């Protein structure tokens, strides 16, 4: 019950932070937004490690956490860019299909595919295709932006899936150190790109608000890490993969986003596919 509650709170917090992070990325450089969020999250993660008193993990778990961090920051960069150029209600559910990656890794290492997993994989793929359908009279520029956003979202999904597969292992040694080490690669990597490109950094109220989003994102990641150490990964993954629901609801309420019927069916189908994959991989 505790794992379910933790993952539910984490999923909701991720959905909120993703929406507002994506919203900022529409008027500020996505990488600049990401850099501020990662710096803010690192400060919180450092505090968590100091408070926990956990010993530094062994080399295997430390390297796994760093690898998870590289995958995670790549996914976030692609995700925020996708949110900045495309329809959030489509981008977010497509990114959630990353939950399929750990299942594929399991199959590659000897796990057997169940009928439920195969059904889920098929639905997720069909959902992505349907969500990307455009009206015949759609504006060409808008259609091109949405196609680009979908490709970016698929790249984010692959990166997020890699992150979750590695993060599950890293958290076994120490939840607090997994949270901190997974954030370390982001700052020098993103910071260097921001500096080389001469991108504008958020200031004033934007900076303060992004730091707030950073805390929400770090809390969500921390709660998810706790959840996977206290419950079945398949159950936690089902609930964790529902973060796009919050993002979609916020996009509808605040931005007034509306989807064509075929796109709405695609979004629901993709989320259902992710859930079936997670349940079937138990």
Protein backbone atom coordinates (compact mmCIF):
# COMPACT_ATOMS: atom_id res chain seq x y z
CA UNK A 1 0.00 0.00 0.00
CA UNK A 2 2.85 2.40 0.84
CA UNK A 3 4.56 1.76 -2.51
CA UNK A 4 1.30 2.48 -4.34
CA UNK A 5 0.81 5.76 -2.45
CA UNK A 6 4.41 6.87 -3.01
CA UNK A 7 4.30 6.12 -6.73
CA UNK A 8 0.92 7.84 -7.09
CA UNK A 9 2.26 11.03 -5.49
CA UNK A 10 5.43 10.78 -7.61
CA UNK A 11 3.41 10.35 -10.78
CA UNK A 12 1.27 13.41 -10.03
CA UNK A 13 4.29 15.53 -9.10
CA UNK A 14 6.08 14.51 -12.31
CA UNK A 15 3.04 15.46 -14.35
CA UNK A 16 2.89 18.91 -12.77
CA UNK A 17 6.64 19.59 -13.08
CA UNK A 18 6.67 18.34 -16.68
CA UNK A 19 3.81 20.63 -17.65
CA UNK A 20 5.29 23.77 -16.15
CA UNK A 21 8.81 22.89 -17.30
CA UNK A 22 7.45 22.48 -20.81
CA UNK A 23 5.53 25.73 -20.50
CA UNK A 24 8.70 27.65 -19.60
CA UNK A 25 10.47 25.95 -22.53
CA UNK A 26 8.04 27.62 -24.92
CA UNK A 27 9.50 31.07 -24.21
CA UNK A 28 12.96 30.24 -22.84
CA UNK A 29 15.66 27.92 -24.28
CA UNK A 30 14.75 24.36 -23.27
CA UNK A 31 18.33 23.57 -22.22
CA UNK A 32 18.51 26.68 -20.03
CA UNK A 33 15.28 25.65 -18.32
CA UNK A 34 16.66 22.14 -17.86
CA UNK A 35 19.94 23.43 -16.41
CA UNK A 36 18.16 25.46 -13.72
CA UNK A 37 15.93 22.50 -12.83
CA UNK A 38 18.93 20.17 -12.55
CA UNK A 39 20.94 22.61 -10.38
CA UNK A 40 17.96 23.13 -8.11
CA UNK A 41 17.36 19.40 -7.88
CA UNK A 42 21.01 18.72 -7.12
CA UNK A 43 20.90 21.03 -4.10
CA UNK A 44 17.92 19.11 -2.73
CA UNK A 45 19.52 15.74 -3.52
CA UNK A 46 22.67 16.77 -1.65
CA UNK A 47 20.56 17.64 1.38
CA UNK A 48 18.83 14.25 1.20
CA UNK A 49 22.19 12.41 1.18
CA UNK A 50 23.48 14.44 4.13
CA UNK A 51 20.30 13.74 6.11
CA UNK A 52 20.26 10.01 5.31
CA UNK A 53 23.82 9.30 6.43
CA UNK A 54 24.06 6.47 3.87
CA UNK A 55 27.51 5.19 2.95
CA UNK A 56 28.74 5.76 -0.60
CA UNK A 57 27.64 2.80 -2.77
CA UNK A 58 30.01 0.30 -4.35
CA UNK A 59 31.47 0.97 -7.79
CA UNK A 60 28.86 -1.05 -9.69
CA UNK A 61 25.89 0.76 -8.19
CA UNK A 62 27.60 4.18 -8.42
CA UNK A 63 28.39 3.72 -12.12
CA UNK A 64 24.86 2.47 -12.76
CA UNK A 65 23.44 5.59 -11.10
CA UNK A 66 25.66 7.84 -13.23
CA UNK A 67 24.60 5.96 -16.37
CA UNK A 68 20.97 6.39 -15.36
CA UNK A 69 21.64 10.10 -14.98
CA UNK A 70 23.04 10.39 -18.50
CA UNK A 71 20.00 8.64 -19.92
CA UNK A 72 17.67 10.73 -17.79
CA UNK A 73 19.14 14.10 -18.77
CA UNK A 74 19.05 13.11 -22.45
CA UNK A 75 15.40 12.18 -22.08
CA UNK A 76 14.50 15.43 -20.32
CA UNK A 77 16.28 17.53 -22.95
CA UNK A 78 14.36 15.79 -25.73
CA UNK A 79 11.12 15.91 -23.73
CA UNK A 80 11.24 19.62 -22.92
CA UNK A 81 12.12 20.40 -26.53
CA UNK A 82 9.16 18.29 -27.69
CA UNK A 83 6.83 20.06 -25.25
CA UNK A 84 8.03 23.43 -26.50
CA UNK A 85 7.21 22.74 -30.16
CA UNK A 86 4.33 20.25 -30.07
CA UNK A 87 1.00 19.51 -28.42
CA UNK A 88 1.59 18.58 -24.78
CA UNK A 89 -1.42 16.24 -24.72
CA UNK A 90 0.27 14.12 -27.41
CA UNK A 91 3.91 14.45 -26.40
CA UNK A 92 3.48 13.40 -22.75
CA UNK A 93 1.70 10.05 -23.37
CA UNK A 94 4.17 9.11 -26.12
CA UNK A 95 7.08 9.74 -23.75
CA UNK A 96 5.45 7.35 -21.26
CA UNK A 97 5.95 4.44 -23.65
CA UNK A 98 9.51 4.38 -22.33
CA UNK A 99 8.18 1.97 -19.70
CA UNK A 100 8.46 -0.65 -22.43
CA UNK A 101 12.28 -0.46 -22.50
CA UNK A 102 12.89 -2.37 -19.23
CA UNK A 103 10.62 -5.12 -20.56
CA UNK A 104 12.64 -5.36 -23.79
CA UNK A 105 15.84 -5.53 -21.71
CA UNK A 106 14.29 -8.36 -19.72
CA UNK A 107 13.37 -10.29 -22.87
CA UNK A 108 16.88 -9.82 -24.23
CA UNK A 109 18.30 -11.33 -21.05
CA UNK A 110 16.01 -14.34 -21.03
CA UNK A 111 12.57 -13.24 -19.82
CA UNK A 112 9.56 -14.63 -21.68
CA UNK A 113 6.93 -12.42 -23.28
CA UNK A 114 3.42 -13.01 -21.93
CA UNK A 115 0.28 -12.50 -23.99
CA UNK A 116 -0.49 -9.43 -21.88
CA UNK A 117 2.89 -7.86 -22.65
CA UNK A 118 2.54 -8.54 -26.37
CA UNK A 119 -0.92 -6.96 -26.32
CA UNK A 120 0.43 -3.97 -24.42
CA UNK A 121 3.32 -3.48 -26.83
CA UNK A 122 0.92 -3.61 -29.78
CA UNK A 123 -1.45 -1.10 -28.19
CA UNK A 124 1.37 1.28 -27.28
CA UNK A 125 2.67 1.22 -30.85
CA UNK A 126 -0.81 1.71 -32.28
CA UNK A 127 -1.44 4.55 -29.84
CA UNK A 128 1.69 6.39 -30.96
CA UNK A 129 0.61 6.10 -34.59
CA UNK A 130 -2.93 7.31 -33.89
CA UNK A 131 -1.79 10.18 -31.66
CA UNK A 132 0.36 11.45 -34.51
CA UNK A 133 -2.48 11.66 -37.02
CA UNK A 134 -3.10 15.15 -38.43
CA UNK A 135 -6.21 16.56 -40.08
CA UNK A 136 -6.07 16.79 -43.86
CA UNK A 137 -6.45 20.57 -43.68
CA UNK A 138 -3.91 21.02 -40.88
CA UNK A 139 -1.54 23.94 -41.20
CA UNK A 140 1.68 22.65 -42.74
CA UNK A 141 3.91 24.43 -40.23
CA UNK A 142 1.86 23.09 -37.31
CA UNK A 143 1.86 19.59 -38.76
CA UNK A 144 5.64 19.69 -39.20
CA UNK A 145 6.08 20.87 -35.61
CA UNK A 146 3.91 18.05 -34.31
CA UNK A 147 5.80 15.45 -36.36
CA UNK A 148 9.08 16.76 -34.97
CA UNK A 149 7.63 16.74 -31.46
CA UNK A 150 6.54 13.11 -31.83
CA UNK A 151 10.02 12.05 -32.95
CA UNK A 152 11.55 13.92 -30.01
CA UNK A 153 9.02 12.31 -27.66
CA UNK A 154 9.95 8.85 -28.95
CA UNK A 155 13.62 9.65 -28.31
CA UNK A 156 12.69 10.83 -24.82
CA UNK A 157 10.76 7.60 -24.24
CA UNK A 158 13.80 5.51 -25.13
CA UNK A 159 15.99 7.57 -22.80
CA UNK A 160 13.45 7.49 -19.94
CA UNK A 161 13.11 3.73 -20.29
CA UNK A 162 16.88 3.33 -20.06
CA UNK A 163 16.89 5.60 -17.02
CA UNK A 164 14.26 3.52 -15.19
CA UNK A 165 16.00 0.24 -15.99
CA UNK A 166 19.31 1.51 -14.59
CA UNK A 167 17.76 3.49 -11.72
CA UNK A 168 16.01 0.41 -10.37
CA UNK A 169 19.41 -1.27 -9.92
CA UNK A 170 21.13 1.84 -8.55
CA UNK A 171 18.47 2.38 -5.87
CA UNK A 172 19.07 -1.11 -4.45
CA UNK A 173 22.29 0.07 -2.81
CA UNK A 174 21.14 3.49 -1.59
CA UNK A 175 18.11 5.52 -2.55
CA UNK A 176 19.65 8.82 -1.47
CA UNK A 177 22.94 8.29 -3.35
CA UNK A 178 21.05 7.07 -6.44
CA UNK A 179 19.10 10.35 -6.43
CA UNK A 180 22.28 12.43 -6.13
CA UNK A 181 24.56 10.50 -8.49
CA UNK A 182 21.90 10.35 -11.19
CA UNK A 183 21.86 14.16 -11.27
CA UNK A 184 25.62 14.72 -11.33
CA UNK A 185 26.22 14.18 -15.09
CA UNK A 186 23.52 16.67 -16.05
CA UNK A 187 24.99 19.93 -14.83
CA UNK A 188 28.43 19.89 -16.54
CA UNK A 189 26.97 18.39 -19.72
CA UNK A 190 24.01 20.76 -20.09
CA UNK A 191 25.98 23.69 -18.67
CA UNK A 192 28.69 23.29 -21.32
CA UNK A 193 26.12 23.23 -24.14
CA UNK A 194 24.32 26.28 -22.74
CA UNK A 195 27.64 28.15 -22.46
CA UNK A 196 28.88 27.14 -25.94
CA UNK A 197 25.61 28.19 -27.56
CA UNK A 198 25.37 31.39 -25.56
CA UNK A 199 21.84 30.59 -24.44
CA UNK A 200 20.00 33.00 -22.16
CA UNK A 201 19.54 31.86 -18.56
CA UNK A 202 16.31 32.47 -16.65
CA UNK A 203 16.34 35.40 -14.24
CA UNK A 204 14.20 36.97 -11.55
CA UNK A 205 10.80 35.39 -11.06
CA UNK A 206 11.43 32.84 -13.81
CA UNK A 207 14.51 31.61 -11.96
CA UNK A 208 12.64 31.38 -8.65
CA UNK A 209 9.72 29.51 -10.21
CA UNK A 210 12.00 27.07 -11.99
CA UNK A 211 13.75 26.33 -8.71
CA UNK A 212 10.34 25.49 -7.32
CA UNK A 213 9.71 23.13 -10.24
CA UNK A 214 13.15 21.60 -9.56
CA UNK A 215 12.15 20.73 -5.99
CA UNK A 216 8.93 19.14 -7.20
CA UNK A 217 10.81 17.06 -9.78
CA UNK A 218 13.42 15.95 -7.23
CA UNK A 219 10.74 15.01 -4.71
CA UNK A 220 8.94 12.97 -7.37
CA UNK A 221 12.13 11.10 -8.29
CA UNK A 222 12.88 10.46 -4.61
CA UNK A 223 9.40 9.08 -3.93
CA UNK A 224 9.62 6.85 -6.99
CA UNK A 225 12.98 5.51 -5.83
CA UNK A 226 11.50 4.72 -2.44
CA UNK A 227 8.50 3.06 -4.06
CA UNK A 228 10.57 0.65 -6.19
CA UNK A 229 12.44 -0.49 -3.07
CA UNK A 230 9.21 -1.16 -1.17
CA UNK A 231 6.92 -2.69 -3.75
CA UNK A 232 6.78 -4.73 -6.94
CA UNK A 233 8.41 -2.85 -9.80
CA UNK A 234 5.57 -3.85 -12.12
CA UNK A 235 2.96 -2.25 -9.85
CA UNK A 236 5.04 0.87 -9.26
CA UNK A 237 5.71 1.19 -12.99
CA UNK A 238 1.98 1.06 -13.78
CA UNK A 239 1.27 4.02 -11.52
CA UNK A 240 4.47 5.87 -12.37
CA UNK A 241 3.64 5.69 -16.07
CA UNK A 242 0.42 7.65 -15.47
CA UNK A 243 2.23 10.99 -15.10
CA UNK A 244 1.04 12.14 -18.56
CA UNK A 245 -2.55 12.14 -17.29
CA UNK A 246 -1.77 15.14 -15.07
CA UNK A 247 0.13 16.87 -17.87
CA UNK A 248 -2.75 16.32 -20.31
CA UNK A 249 -5.34 17.62 -17.83
CA UNK A 250 -3.28 20.74 -17.12
CA UNK A 251 -2.74 21.33 -20.84
CA UNK A 252 -6.47 21.11 -21.39
CA UNK A 253 -7.40 23.33 -18.43
CA UNK A 254 -4.70 26.00 -18.77
CA UNK A 255 -3.78 25.98 -22.46
CA UNK A 256 -7.14 24.92 -23.80
CA UNK A 257 -5.59 22.12 -25.86
CA UNK A 258 -8.09 20.01 -27.76
CA UNK A 259 -7.33 16.79 -29.60
CA UNK A 260 -9.01 15.31 -32.64
CA UNK A 261 -10.98 12.19 -31.82
CA UNK A 262 -8.41 9.89 -33.43
CA UNK A 263 -5.61 11.58 -31.47
CA UNK A 264 -7.53 11.24 -28.19
CA UNK A 265 -8.05 7.54 -28.92
CA UNK A 266 -4.33 7.25 -29.62
CA UNK A 267 -3.38 8.91 -26.33
CA UNK A 268 -5.68 6.59 -24.33
CA UNK A 269 -4.51 3.54 -26.29
CA UNK A 270 -0.83 4.37 -25.67
CA UNK A 271 -1.40 4.77 -21.92
CA UNK A 272 -3.38 1.52 -21.79
CA UNK A 273 -0.59 -0.26 -23.63
CA UNK A 274 2.00 1.01 -21.14
CA UNK A 275 -0.15 -0.20 -18.24
CA UNK A 276 -0.62 -3.68 -19.77
CA UNK A 277 3.12 -4.01 -20.42
CA UNK A 278 3.87 -3.12 -16.80
CA UNK A 279 1.26 -5.53 -15.40
CA UNK A 280 2.22 -8.32 -17.78
CA UNK A 281 5.90 -8.07 -16.87
CA UNK A 282 5.21 -8.90 -13.22
